[in-house]
Amino acid sequence: MAETLKKGSRVTGAARDKLAADLKKKYDSGASIRALAEETGRSYGFVHRMLTESGVVLRGRGGATRGKKAASV
């Protein structure tokens, strides 16, 4: 990301719209919320909220899910 925001600084107006668009584009091309949070220096919750405000349909969780193996035995 070209523009680095101060951690915890409020993002409003055009800067917020631009950040939301950048996050949406990167998420849609496969980046994880955690990766985007680390890249932008923002929290997971902030990135998650920006994506949902942008109308992004969030992907399901990846990785191992608990209980499947025990349920099938």
C-alpha atoms as a PDB file:
ATOM      1  CA  MET A   1       0.000   0.000   0.000  1.00  0.00           C
ATOM      2  CA  ALA A   2       1.513   3.317  -1.087  1.00  0.00           C
ATOM      3  CA  GLU A   3      -0.060   5.412   1.641  1.00  0.00           C
ATOM      4  CA  THR A   4       0.927   4.466   5.173  1.00  0.00           C
ATOM      5  CA  LEU A   5      -1.562   5.436   7.844  1.00  0.00           C
ATOM      6  CA  LYS A   6      -0.603   6.104  11.425  1.00  0.00           C
ATOM      7  CA  LYS A   7      -1.643   3.193  13.605  1.00  0.00           C
ATOM      8  CA  GLY A   8      -4.913   3.983  15.316  1.00  0.00           C
ATOM      9  CA  SER A   9      -5.483   7.198  13.375  1.00  0.00           C
ATOM     10  CA  ARG A  10      -9.046   7.880  12.294  1.00  0.00           C
ATOM     11  CA  VAL A  11      -9.677   7.297   8.605  1.00  0.00           C
ATOM     12  CA  THR A  12     -12.460   9.427   7.137  1.00  0.00           C
ATOM     13  CA  GLY A  13     -13.807  10.743   3.867  1.00  0.00           C
ATOM     14  CA  ALA A  14     -11.935  10.071   0.637  1.00  0.00           C
ATOM     15  CA  ALA A  15      -9.030   8.345   2.422  1.00  0.00           C
ATOM     16  CA  ARG A  16     -11.473   5.858   3.973  1.00  0.00           C
ATOM     17  CA  ASP A  17     -13.150   5.213   0.623  1.00  0.00           C
ATOM     18  CA  LYS A  18      -9.770   4.662  -1.029  1.00  0.00           C
ATOM     19  CA  LEU A  19      -8.609   2.331   1.748  1.00  0.00           C
ATOM     20  CA  ALA A  20     -11.876   0.375   1.575  1.00  0.00           C
ATOM     21  CA  ALA A  21     -11.522   0.019  -2.214  1.00  0.00           C
ATOM     22  CA  ASP A  22      -7.884  -1.140  -1.884  1.00  0.00           C
ATOM     23  CA  LEU A  23      -8.769  -3.674   0.819  1.00  0.00           C
ATOM     24  CA  LYS A  24     -11.740  -4.956  -1.209  1.00  0.00           C
ATOM     25  CA  LYS A  25      -9.605  -5.410  -4.329  1.00  0.00           C
ATOM     26  CA  LYS A  26      -6.865  -7.268  -2.425  1.00  0.00           C
ATOM     27  CA  TYR A  27      -9.339  -9.431  -0.493  1.00  0.00           C
ATOM     28  CA  ASP A  28     -11.195 -10.331  -3.694  1.00  0.00           C
ATOM     29  CA  SER A  29      -7.880 -11.372  -5.265  1.00  0.00           C
ATOM     30  CA  GLY A  30      -7.199 -13.798  -2.407  1.00  0.00           C
ATOM     31  CA  ALA A  31      -5.500 -11.904   0.445  1.00  0.00           C
ATOM     32  CA  SER A  32      -6.621 -12.859   3.954  1.00  0.00           C
ATOM     33  CA  ILE A  33      -8.030 -10.388   6.456  1.00  0.00           C
ATOM     34  CA  ARG A  34      -5.049 -11.093   8.740  1.00  0.00           C
ATOM     35  CA  ALA A  35      -2.583 -10.405   5.913  1.00  0.00           C
ATOM     36  CA  LEU A  36      -4.359  -7.141   5.063  1.00  0.00           C
ATOM     37  CA  ALA A  37      -4.388  -6.105   8.725  1.00  0.00           C
ATOM     38  CA  GLU A  38      -0.648  -6.720   9.002  1.00  0.00           C
ATOM     39  CA  GLU A  39       0.072  -4.929   5.724  1.00  0.00           C
ATOM     40  CA  THR A  40      -1.911  -1.827   6.669  1.00  0.00           C
ATOM     41  CA  GLY A  41      -0.912  -1.797  10.348  1.00  0.00           C
ATOM     42  CA  ARG A  42      -4.573  -1.900  11.370  1.00  0.00           C
ATOM     43  CA  SER A  43      -6.418  -4.398  13.538  1.00  0.00           C
ATOM     44  CA  TYR A  44      -8.190  -7.495  12.218  1.00  0.00           C
ATOM     45  CA  GLY A  45     -11.501  -5.999  13.406  1.00  0.00           C
ATOM     46  CA  PHE A  46     -10.884  -2.731  11.547  1.00  0.00           C
ATOM     47  CA  VAL A  47     -10.125  -4.531   8.278  1.00  0.00           C
ATOM     48  CA  HIS A  48     -13.120  -6.854   8.756  1.00  0.00           C
ATOM     49  CA  ARG A  49     -15.414  -3.855   9.319  1.00  0.00           C
ATOM     50  CA  MET A  50     -14.035  -1.977   6.294  1.00  0.00           C
ATOM     51  CA  LEU A  51     -14.637  -5.013   4.091  1.00  0.00           C
ATOM     52  CA  THR A  52     -18.198  -5.547   5.306  1.00  0.00           C
ATOM     53  CA  GLU A  53     -18.940  -1.824   4.874  1.00  0.00           C
ATOM     54  CA  SER A  54     -17.681  -2.178   1.286  1.00  0.00           C
ATOM     55  CA  GLY A  55     -20.211  -4.931   0.638  1.00  0.00           C
ATOM     56  CA  VAL A  56     -17.639  -7.724   0.344  1.00  0.00           C
ATOM     57  CA  VAL A  57     -18.983 -11.250   0.799  1.00  0.00           C
ATOM     58  CA  LEU A  58     -16.507 -12.730   3.259  1.00  0.00           C
ATOM     59  CA  ARG A  59     -15.065 -16.168   2.609  1.00  0.00           C
ATOM     60  CA  GLY A  60     -15.607 -19.009   5.042  1.00  0.00           C
ATOM     61  CA  ARG A  61     -12.906 -19.922   7.508  1.00  0.00           C
ATOM     62  CA  GLY A  62     -10.040 -22.016   6.230  1.00  0.00           C
ATOM     63  CA  GLY A  63      -7.894 -24.520   8.042  1.00  0.00           C
ATOM     64  CA  ALA A  64      -8.920 -27.297  10.368  1.00  0.00           C
ATOM     65  CA  THR A  65     -12.321 -27.065  11.965  1.00  0.00           C
ATOM     66  CA  ARG A  66     -12.957 -28.737  15.284  1.00  0.00           C
ATOM     67  CA  GLY A  67     -15.223 -31.697  15.757  1.00  0.00           C
ATOM     68  CA  LYS A  68     -15.481 -33.137  12.248  1.00  0.00           C
ATOM     69  CA  LYS A  69     -13.312 -36.178  12.892  1.00  0.00           C
ATOM     70  CA  ALA A  70     -15.006 -37.069  16.191  1.00  0.00           C
ATOM     71  CA  ALA A  71     -18.454 -36.665  14.629  1.00  0.00           C
ATOM     72  CA  SER A  72     -17.701 -39.079  11.771  1.00  0.00           C
ATOM     73  CA  VAL A  73     -16.281 -41.833  14.004  1.00  0.00           C
END
